[in-house]
Amino acid sequence: MARSRGTRWRLLGPLIAAAAVAACHNGPCRDPGFEEGDRFRITVLTSVADPCPFAPLAAGDSFVLTGGAALADPALCTVRGASPEVPAFADAVLTSCREGLMQLGLDCNGTLDPNCPVSAQLRLGTYIDRGVSSIDRVGFSIVWSTNGCNGGGCRDDYDVRIDRL
């Protein structure tokens, strides 16, 4: 029994679309650069602009991020965010985090007051190669969102130093 073109497309269409998505990404994938459990001290060198009022950092402040589990990003590359622990500098505001889809990234949630939920996306602006023990002058940002309360959100930008512990 012969199948019509419409029937063949209904059967093959989803397979072709899935293959196209799997084959399409923006270039070669990079090795995550560290393993789950590797620890990094992030030390603030300078604040690029006036920090947001939620959990501001100042020159000399530091905190530790730990490598999290390997995840697949939208381009199907393996990435390793930070372990889903709230960084010490923000534990008065943030209550939970999950690995972000960027190297040592975190996506966190918390509250400023009972009526004001807050989220924060923590991002480092560099790739950490295996074997590198420290990197100076790296961009670090925190994008705060408050769903319309307390001004609706803002962005912190810092220059930091990363030291592999």
N, C-alpha and C. Protein backbone atom coordinates (compact mmCIF):
# COMPACT_ATOMS: atom_id res chain seq x y z
N MET A 1 0.84 -1.18 0.00
CA MET A 1 0.00 0.00 0.00
C MET A 1 0.89 1.25 0.00
N ALA A 2 0.71 2.14 -0.91
CA ALA A 2 1.51 3.37 -1.04
C ALA A 2 0.99 4.42 -0.07
N ARG A 3 1.93 5.20 0.46
CA ARG A 3 1.54 6.28 1.37
C ARG A 3 1.56 7.58 0.60
N SER A 4 0.67 8.46 0.96
CA SER A 4 0.65 9.77 0.32
C SER A 4 1.78 10.63 0.86
N ARG A 5 2.11 11.71 0.14
CA ARG A 5 3.14 12.63 0.61
C ARG A 5 2.79 13.20 1.97
N GLY A 6 1.53 13.53 2.18
CA GLY A 6 1.09 14.08 3.47
C GLY A 6 1.35 13.11 4.61
N THR A 7 1.07 11.84 4.38
CA THR A 7 1.30 10.83 5.41
C THR A 7 2.79 10.68 5.69
N ARG A 8 3.61 10.64 4.63
CA ARG A 8 5.05 10.54 4.82
C ARG A 8 5.59 11.74 5.60
N TRP A 9 5.13 12.95 5.27
CA TRP A 9 5.60 14.16 5.98
C TRP A 9 5.20 14.10 7.46
N ARG A 10 3.96 13.64 7.75
CA ARG A 10 3.53 13.54 9.15
C ARG A 10 4.41 12.56 9.90
N LEU A 11 4.89 11.52 9.25
CA LEU A 11 5.74 10.53 9.90
C LEU A 11 7.19 10.99 9.98
N LEU A 12 7.72 11.59 8.91
CA LEU A 12 9.12 11.98 8.85
C LEU A 12 9.38 13.39 9.35
N GLY A 13 8.39 14.27 9.27
CA GLY A 13 8.56 15.67 9.65
C GLY A 13 9.16 15.86 11.05
N PRO A 14 8.59 15.23 12.09
CA PRO A 14 9.16 15.40 13.43
C PRO A 14 10.59 14.89 13.54
N LEU A 15 10.93 13.81 12.83
CA LEU A 15 12.30 13.30 12.87
C LEU A 15 13.27 14.26 12.21
N ILE A 16 12.87 14.84 11.07
CA ILE A 16 13.73 15.80 10.37
C ILE A 16 13.91 17.04 11.24
N ALA A 17 12.85 17.53 11.86
CA ALA A 17 12.94 18.73 12.71
C ALA A 17 13.85 18.47 13.90
N ALA A 18 13.75 17.30 14.53
CA ALA A 18 14.60 16.98 15.68
C ALA A 18 16.06 16.90 15.25
N ALA A 19 16.32 16.32 14.09
CA ALA A 19 17.70 16.23 13.61
C ALA A 19 18.26 17.61 13.31
N ALA A 20 17.45 18.50 12.76
CA ALA A 20 17.90 19.86 12.45
C ALA A 20 18.25 20.61 13.73
N VAL A 21 17.43 20.48 14.77
CA VAL A 21 17.71 21.14 16.03
C VAL A 21 18.99 20.59 16.65
N ALA A 22 19.16 19.27 16.62
CA ALA A 22 20.35 18.65 17.21
C ALA A 22 21.61 19.06 16.46
N ALA A 23 21.52 19.25 15.16
CA ALA A 23 22.69 19.58 14.37
C ALA A 23 23.01 21.07 14.38
N CYS A 24 22.09 21.88 14.81
CA CYS A 24 22.26 23.33 14.73
C CYS A 24 22.74 23.89 16.05
N HIS A 25 23.96 24.38 16.09
CA HIS A 25 24.37 25.24 17.19
C HIS A 25 25.42 26.20 16.71
N ASN A 26 25.76 27.17 17.53
CA ASN A 26 26.52 28.33 17.10
C ASN A 26 28.02 28.11 17.03
N GLY A 27 28.49 26.95 16.84
CA GLY A 27 29.92 26.71 16.74
C GLY A 27 30.31 25.53 17.58
N PRO A 28 31.60 25.28 17.65
CA PRO A 28 32.06 24.11 18.40
C PRO A 28 31.83 24.30 19.91
N CYS A 29 31.51 23.21 20.55
CA CYS A 29 31.33 23.24 22.00
C CYS A 29 32.70 23.26 22.67
N ARG A 30 32.76 23.86 23.86
CA ARG A 30 34.01 23.90 24.63
C ARG A 30 33.86 23.04 25.87
N ASP A 31 34.95 22.46 26.28
CA ASP A 31 35.00 21.70 27.52
C ASP A 31 34.65 22.64 28.67
N PRO A 32 33.85 22.21 29.66
CA PRO A 32 33.48 23.11 30.75
C PRO A 32 34.66 23.75 31.49
N GLY A 33 35.85 23.18 31.47
CA GLY A 33 37.01 23.83 32.09
C GLY A 33 37.24 23.48 33.55
N PHE A 34 36.31 22.79 34.17
CA PHE A 34 36.46 22.36 35.56
C PHE A 34 35.46 21.25 35.83
N GLU A 35 35.64 20.59 36.95
CA GLU A 35 34.79 19.46 37.31
C GLU A 35 33.77 19.86 38.38
N GLU A 36 32.75 19.05 38.51
CA GLU A 36 31.79 19.24 39.60
C GLU A 36 32.56 19.16 40.92
N GLY A 37 32.34 20.11 41.80
CA GLY A 37 33.01 20.14 43.09
C GLY A 37 34.25 21.02 43.13
N ASP A 38 34.82 21.40 41.96
CA ASP A 38 35.94 22.34 41.96
C ASP A 38 35.46 23.67 42.53
N ARG A 39 36.32 24.31 43.33
CA ARG A 39 35.92 25.54 44.02
C ARG A 39 36.72 26.73 43.51
N PHE A 40 36.05 27.89 43.49
CA PHE A 40 36.64 29.12 43.00
C PHE A 40 36.30 30.27 43.94
N ARG A 41 37.31 31.04 44.32
CA ARG A 41 37.08 32.26 45.11
C ARG A 41 36.93 33.40 44.12
N ILE A 42 35.82 34.14 44.27
CA ILE A 42 35.56 35.32 43.45
C ILE A 42 35.79 36.53 44.35
N THR A 43 36.73 37.39 43.99
CA THR A 43 37.06 38.58 44.78
C THR A 43 36.75 39.82 43.96
N VAL A 44 35.96 40.72 44.54
CA VAL A 44 35.59 41.96 43.86
C VAL A 44 36.78 42.91 43.85
N LEU A 45 37.15 43.37 42.65
CA LEU A 45 38.21 44.37 42.50
C LEU A 45 37.61 45.77 42.50
N THR A 46 36.57 45.98 41.70
CA THR A 46 35.88 47.27 41.64
C THR A 46 34.43 47.05 41.24
N SER A 47 33.60 48.02 41.60
CA SER A 47 32.23 48.05 41.12
C SER A 47 32.22 48.96 39.90
N VAL A 48 31.64 48.50 38.80
CA VAL A 48 31.64 49.27 37.57
C VAL A 48 30.66 50.45 37.66
N ALA A 49 29.59 50.30 38.41
CA ALA A 49 28.59 51.36 38.60
C ALA A 49 28.05 51.24 40.02
N ASP A 50 27.22 52.18 40.41
CA ASP A 50 26.60 52.08 41.74
C ASP A 50 25.84 50.77 41.83
N PRO A 51 26.12 49.96 42.86
CA PRO A 51 25.45 48.66 42.95
C PRO A 51 23.98 48.79 43.35
N CYS A 52 23.23 47.78 43.00
CA CYS A 52 21.83 47.69 43.40
C CYS A 52 21.76 47.58 44.93
N PRO A 53 20.64 47.94 45.52
CA PRO A 53 20.55 47.93 46.98
C PRO A 53 20.29 46.56 47.61
N PHE A 54 20.12 45.51 46.82
CA PHE A 54 19.66 44.23 47.36
C PHE A 54 20.73 43.46 48.11
N ALA A 55 21.91 43.33 47.56
CA ALA A 55 23.03 42.63 48.20
C ALA A 55 24.32 43.17 47.60
N PRO A 56 24.61 44.46 47.84
CA PRO A 56 25.76 45.09 47.18
C PRO A 56 27.09 44.50 47.63
N LEU A 57 28.03 44.50 46.70
CA LEU A 57 29.39 44.07 46.98
C LEU A 57 30.32 45.27 46.86
N ALA A 58 31.42 45.24 47.58
CA ALA A 58 32.41 46.32 47.54
C ALA A 58 33.78 45.71 47.26
N ALA A 59 34.71 46.56 46.83
CA ALA A 59 36.08 46.10 46.57
C ALA A 59 36.61 45.35 47.79
N GLY A 60 37.20 44.20 47.54
CA GLY A 60 37.74 43.36 48.61
C GLY A 60 36.81 42.27 49.08
N ASP A 61 35.50 42.39 48.82
CA ASP A 61 34.56 41.32 49.19
C ASP A 61 34.85 40.08 48.36
N SER A 62 34.67 38.91 48.96
CA SER A 62 34.86 37.68 48.21
C SER A 62 33.85 36.63 48.65
N PHE A 63 33.65 35.67 47.79
CA PHE A 63 32.76 34.55 48.06
C PHE A 63 33.23 33.37 47.22
N VAL A 64 32.74 32.18 47.52
CA VAL A 64 33.18 30.97 46.83
C VAL A 64 32.03 30.39 46.03
N LEU A 65 32.33 30.02 44.79
CA LEU A 65 31.40 29.26 43.95
C LEU A 65 32.01 27.89 43.69
N THR A 66 31.16 26.87 43.71
CA THR A 66 31.58 25.49 43.50
C THR A 66 31.00 24.98 42.19
N GLY A 67 31.80 24.29 41.40
CA GLY A 67 31.32 23.73 40.13
C GLY A 67 30.15 22.80 40.34
N GLY A 68 29.12 22.96 39.54
CA GLY A 68 27.92 22.15 39.63
C GLY A 68 27.92 21.01 38.64
N ALA A 69 26.76 20.40 38.48
CA ALA A 69 26.60 19.27 37.57
C ALA A 69 26.68 19.71 36.12
N ALA A 70 27.06 18.81 35.26
CA ALA A 70 27.11 19.08 33.82
C ALA A 70 25.68 19.12 33.29
N LEU A 71 25.40 20.16 32.47
CA LEU A 71 24.09 20.34 31.86
C LEU A 71 24.27 20.58 30.37
N ALA A 72 23.21 20.43 29.59
CA ALA A 72 23.24 20.76 28.17
C ALA A 72 22.57 22.11 27.97
N ASP A 73 23.27 23.02 27.28
CA ASP A 73 22.69 24.34 27.01
C ASP A 73 21.79 24.25 25.77
N PRO A 74 21.13 25.34 25.38
CA PRO A 74 20.23 25.28 24.22
C PRO A 74 20.92 24.84 22.93
N ALA A 75 22.23 25.04 22.83
CA ALA A 75 22.98 24.59 21.65
C ALA A 75 23.46 23.15 21.79
N LEU A 76 23.01 22.47 22.84
CA LEU A 76 23.35 21.08 23.13
C LEU A 76 24.81 20.89 23.49
N CYS A 77 25.47 21.94 23.96
CA CYS A 77 26.84 21.84 24.46
C CYS A 77 26.79 21.57 25.96
N THR A 78 27.79 20.87 26.47
CA THR A 78 27.88 20.63 27.90
C THR A 78 28.43 21.86 28.59
N VAL A 79 27.72 22.35 29.58
CA VAL A 79 28.15 23.49 30.39
C VAL A 79 28.08 23.07 31.86
N ARG A 80 28.78 23.81 32.69
CA ARG A 80 28.78 23.50 34.12
C ARG A 80 28.59 24.80 34.88
N GLY A 81 27.39 25.00 35.40
CA GLY A 81 27.11 26.17 36.23
C GLY A 81 27.71 25.97 37.61
N ALA A 82 27.35 26.85 38.51
CA ALA A 82 27.80 26.71 39.90
C ALA A 82 26.85 25.77 40.63
N SER A 83 27.36 25.15 41.66
CA SER A 83 26.54 24.29 42.51
C SER A 83 25.40 25.13 43.08
N PRO A 84 24.20 24.56 43.19
CA PRO A 84 23.02 25.36 43.57
C PRO A 84 22.98 25.75 45.05
N GLU A 85 23.99 26.50 45.45
CA GLU A 85 24.05 27.02 46.82
C GLU A 85 23.97 28.53 46.76
N VAL A 86 23.23 29.13 47.68
CA VAL A 86 23.13 30.59 47.73
C VAL A 86 24.48 31.15 48.15
N PRO A 87 25.05 32.08 47.37
CA PRO A 87 26.34 32.69 47.76
C PRO A 87 26.18 33.45 49.08
N ALA A 88 27.20 33.38 49.91
CA ALA A 88 27.14 33.96 51.26
C ALA A 88 26.77 35.44 51.25
N PHE A 89 27.23 36.21 50.26
CA PHE A 89 26.96 37.65 50.26
C PHE A 89 25.47 37.97 50.07
N ALA A 90 24.69 37.03 49.54
CA ALA A 90 23.28 37.30 49.24
C ALA A 90 22.32 36.45 50.05
N ASP A 91 22.79 35.77 51.11
CA ASP A 91 21.91 34.86 51.84
C ASP A 91 20.82 35.55 52.65
N ALA A 92 20.88 36.87 52.82
CA ALA A 92 19.79 37.58 53.50
C ALA A 92 18.62 37.85 52.55
N VAL A 93 18.86 37.73 51.23
CA VAL A 93 17.84 38.03 50.22
C VAL A 93 17.42 36.78 49.46
N LEU A 94 18.39 35.97 49.05
CA LEU A 94 18.11 34.80 48.23
C LEU A 94 17.96 33.56 49.10
N THR A 95 17.03 32.70 48.72
CA THR A 95 16.77 31.49 49.51
C THR A 95 17.07 30.20 48.77
N SER A 96 17.13 30.25 47.44
CA SER A 96 17.42 29.04 46.67
C SER A 96 18.06 29.42 45.35
N CYS A 97 18.87 28.49 44.83
CA CYS A 97 19.53 28.68 43.54
C CYS A 97 19.54 27.37 42.77
N ARG A 98 19.73 27.49 41.47
CA ARG A 98 19.96 26.32 40.62
C ARG A 98 21.08 26.66 39.66
N GLU A 99 21.73 25.61 39.13
CA GLU A 99 22.81 25.84 38.18
C GLU A 99 22.30 26.65 37.00
N GLY A 100 23.09 27.64 36.59
CA GLY A 100 22.78 28.40 35.39
C GLY A 100 23.38 27.71 34.18
N LEU A 101 22.94 28.08 33.01
CA LEU A 101 23.45 27.47 31.78
C LEU A 101 24.64 28.24 31.22
N MET A 102 25.45 28.80 32.12
CA MET A 102 26.70 29.46 31.75
C MET A 102 27.75 28.99 32.75
N GLN A 103 29.00 29.08 32.37
CA GLN A 103 30.07 28.61 33.23
C GLN A 103 30.03 29.33 34.59
N LEU A 104 29.90 28.56 35.65
CA LEU A 104 29.77 29.02 37.04
C LEU A 104 28.58 29.95 37.24
N GLY A 105 27.58 29.87 36.39
CA GLY A 105 26.38 30.70 36.51
C GLY A 105 25.40 30.14 37.53
N LEU A 106 24.61 31.04 38.09
CA LEU A 106 23.55 30.67 39.03
C LEU A 106 22.28 31.43 38.70
N ASP A 107 21.14 30.78 38.88
CA ASP A 107 19.83 31.42 38.80
C ASP A 107 19.18 31.23 40.16
N CYS A 108 18.90 32.34 40.84
CA CYS A 108 18.45 32.28 42.24
C CYS A 108 17.12 32.99 42.45
N ASN A 109 16.45 32.64 43.56
CA ASN A 109 15.18 33.26 43.94
C ASN A 109 15.19 33.55 45.43
N GLY A 110 14.37 34.51 45.82
CA GLY A 110 14.23 34.85 47.23
C GLY A 110 13.14 35.90 47.38
N THR A 111 13.19 36.63 48.48
CA THR A 111 12.22 37.69 48.73
C THR A 111 12.90 38.87 49.39
N LEU A 112 12.43 40.07 49.04
CA LEU A 112 12.89 41.29 49.70
C LEU A 112 12.02 41.57 50.91
N ASP A 113 10.75 41.29 50.79
CA ASP A 113 9.78 41.32 51.88
C ASP A 113 8.66 40.37 51.48
N PRO A 114 7.69 40.09 52.34
CA PRO A 114 6.68 39.08 51.99
C PRO A 114 5.93 39.33 50.69
N ASN A 115 5.86 40.57 50.24
CA ASN A 115 5.12 40.89 49.03
C ASN A 115 6.01 41.18 47.83
N CYS A 116 7.30 40.89 47.94
CA CYS A 116 8.21 41.24 46.86
C CYS A 116 9.19 40.11 46.57
N PRO A 117 8.80 39.18 45.67
CA PRO A 117 9.75 38.13 45.27
C PRO A 117 10.86 38.74 44.43
N VAL A 118 12.03 38.14 44.53
CA VAL A 118 13.19 38.62 43.78
C VAL A 118 13.89 37.44 43.12
N SER A 119 14.45 37.69 41.94
CA SER A 119 15.29 36.68 41.31
C SER A 119 16.61 37.33 40.94
N ALA A 120 17.65 36.53 40.85
CA ALA A 120 18.98 37.04 40.51
C ALA A 120 19.67 36.04 39.60
N GLN A 121 20.24 36.55 38.52
CA GLN A 121 21.04 35.73 37.61
C GLN A 121 22.48 36.18 37.77
N LEU A 122 23.35 35.28 38.23
CA LEU A 122 24.76 35.58 38.44
C LEU A 122 25.55 35.01 37.27
N ARG A 123 26.36 35.87 36.63
CA ARG A 123 27.09 35.47 35.42
C ARG A 123 28.52 35.98 35.44
N LEU A 124 29.46 35.11 35.11
CA LEU A 124 30.86 35.49 34.91
C LEU A 124 31.08 35.71 33.42
N GLY A 125 31.86 36.71 33.07
CA GLY A 125 32.06 37.06 31.67
C GLY A 125 33.31 36.48 31.06
N THR A 126 33.73 35.29 31.48
CA THR A 126 34.91 34.68 30.88
C THR A 126 34.76 33.17 30.88
N TYR A 127 35.60 32.54 30.11
CA TYR A 127 35.70 31.09 30.09
C TYR A 127 36.88 30.70 30.95
N ILE A 128 36.71 29.72 31.80
CA ILE A 128 37.79 29.24 32.67
C ILE A 128 38.39 28.00 32.04
N ASP A 129 39.63 28.10 31.60
CA ASP A 129 40.33 26.95 31.02
C ASP A 129 40.83 26.02 32.10
N ARG A 130 40.94 24.74 31.77
CA ARG A 130 41.53 23.77 32.69
C ARG A 130 42.97 24.18 32.97
N GLY A 131 43.40 24.01 34.21
CA GLY A 131 44.77 24.28 34.57
C GLY A 131 45.06 25.73 34.93
N VAL A 132 44.15 26.65 34.63
CA VAL A 132 44.36 28.05 34.98
C VAL A 132 44.04 28.23 36.46
N SER A 133 45.00 28.81 37.21
CA SER A 133 44.80 28.95 38.65
C SER A 133 44.14 30.27 39.04
N SER A 134 44.33 31.33 38.24
CA SER A 134 43.66 32.60 38.54
C SER A 134 43.50 33.43 37.27
N ILE A 135 42.48 34.27 37.31
CA ILE A 135 42.19 35.17 36.19
C ILE A 135 41.85 36.53 36.80
N ASP A 136 42.55 37.57 36.36
CA ASP A 136 42.29 38.94 36.82
C ASP A 136 41.37 39.66 35.86
N ARG A 137 40.65 40.63 36.40
CA ARG A 137 39.84 41.55 35.61
C ARG A 137 38.79 40.85 34.76
N VAL A 138 37.93 40.10 35.42
CA VAL A 138 36.84 39.39 34.77
C VAL A 138 35.55 40.14 35.09
N GLY A 139 34.68 40.26 34.10
CA GLY A 139 33.37 40.85 34.34
C GLY A 139 32.47 39.87 35.08
N PHE A 140 31.78 40.37 36.10
CA PHE A 140 30.81 39.57 36.87
C PHE A 140 29.56 40.42 36.98
N SER A 141 28.41 39.86 36.64
CA SER A 141 27.16 40.62 36.71
C SER A 141 26.10 39.86 37.49
N ILE A 142 25.23 40.63 38.10
CA ILE A 142 24.05 40.09 38.77
C ILE A 142 22.86 40.88 38.24
N VAL A 143 21.94 40.20 37.59
CA VAL A 143 20.73 40.84 37.10
C VAL A 143 19.62 40.52 38.09
N TRP A 144 19.13 41.57 38.75
CA TRP A 144 18.08 41.45 39.76
C TRP A 144 16.73 41.79 39.14
N SER A 145 15.72 40.99 39.43
CA SER A 145 14.37 41.26 38.96
C SER A 145 13.42 41.12 40.15
N THR A 146 12.52 42.11 40.28
CA THR A 146 11.60 42.10 41.43
C THR A 146 10.14 42.12 41.02
N ASN A 147 9.83 41.78 39.78
CA ASN A 147 8.44 41.72 39.32
C ASN A 147 7.65 42.99 39.61
N GLY A 148 8.28 44.14 39.48
CA GLY A 148 7.58 45.41 39.61
C GLY A 148 7.68 46.07 40.98
N CYS A 149 7.96 45.34 42.04
CA CYS A 149 8.10 45.97 43.35
C CYS A 149 9.55 46.45 43.52
N ASN A 150 9.79 47.34 44.42
CA ASN A 150 11.13 47.90 44.68
C ASN A 150 11.85 48.33 43.41
N GLY A 151 11.14 48.99 42.52
CA GLY A 151 11.76 49.53 41.31
C GLY A 151 11.81 48.56 40.15
N GLY A 152 11.43 47.33 40.33
CA GLY A 152 11.38 46.36 39.23
C GLY A 152 12.66 45.62 38.94
N GLY A 153 13.78 46.08 39.45
CA GLY A 153 15.03 45.38 39.24
C GLY A 153 16.15 46.30 38.79
N CYS A 154 17.34 45.74 38.72
CA CYS A 154 18.52 46.50 38.30
C CYS A 154 19.65 45.49 38.03
N ARG A 155 20.81 46.03 37.66
CA ARG A 155 21.93 45.16 37.31
C ARG A 155 23.19 45.64 38.02
N ASP A 156 23.90 44.70 38.64
CA ASP A 156 25.21 44.98 39.23
C ASP A 156 26.28 44.50 38.26
N ASP A 157 27.32 45.30 38.07
CA ASP A 157 28.46 44.90 37.25
C ASP A 157 29.73 45.16 38.05
N TYR A 158 30.58 44.14 38.12
CA TYR A 158 31.83 44.21 38.88
C TYR A 158 32.98 43.69 38.04
N ASP A 159 34.18 44.17 38.33
CA ASP A 159 35.40 43.53 37.87
C ASP A 159 35.87 42.66 39.02
N VAL A 160 36.15 41.39 38.74
CA VAL A 160 36.53 40.45 39.80
C VAL A 160 37.78 39.69 39.41
N ARG A 161 38.36 39.05 40.40
CA ARG A 161 39.46 38.11 40.22
C ARG A 161 38.90 36.72 40.57
N ILE A 162 39.27 35.73 39.79
CA ILE A 162 38.85 34.34 40.05
C ILE A 162 40.10 33.55 40.43
N ASP A 163 40.05 32.88 41.58
CA ASP A 163 41.14 32.01 42.01
C ASP A 163 40.61 30.60 42.21
N ARG A 164 41.23 29.65 41.55
CA ARG A 164 40.89 28.23 41.72
C ARG A 164 41.45 27.81 43.07
N LEU A 165 40.60 27.23 43.90
CA LEU A 165 41.05 26.79 45.24
C LEU A 165 41.49 25.33 45.25
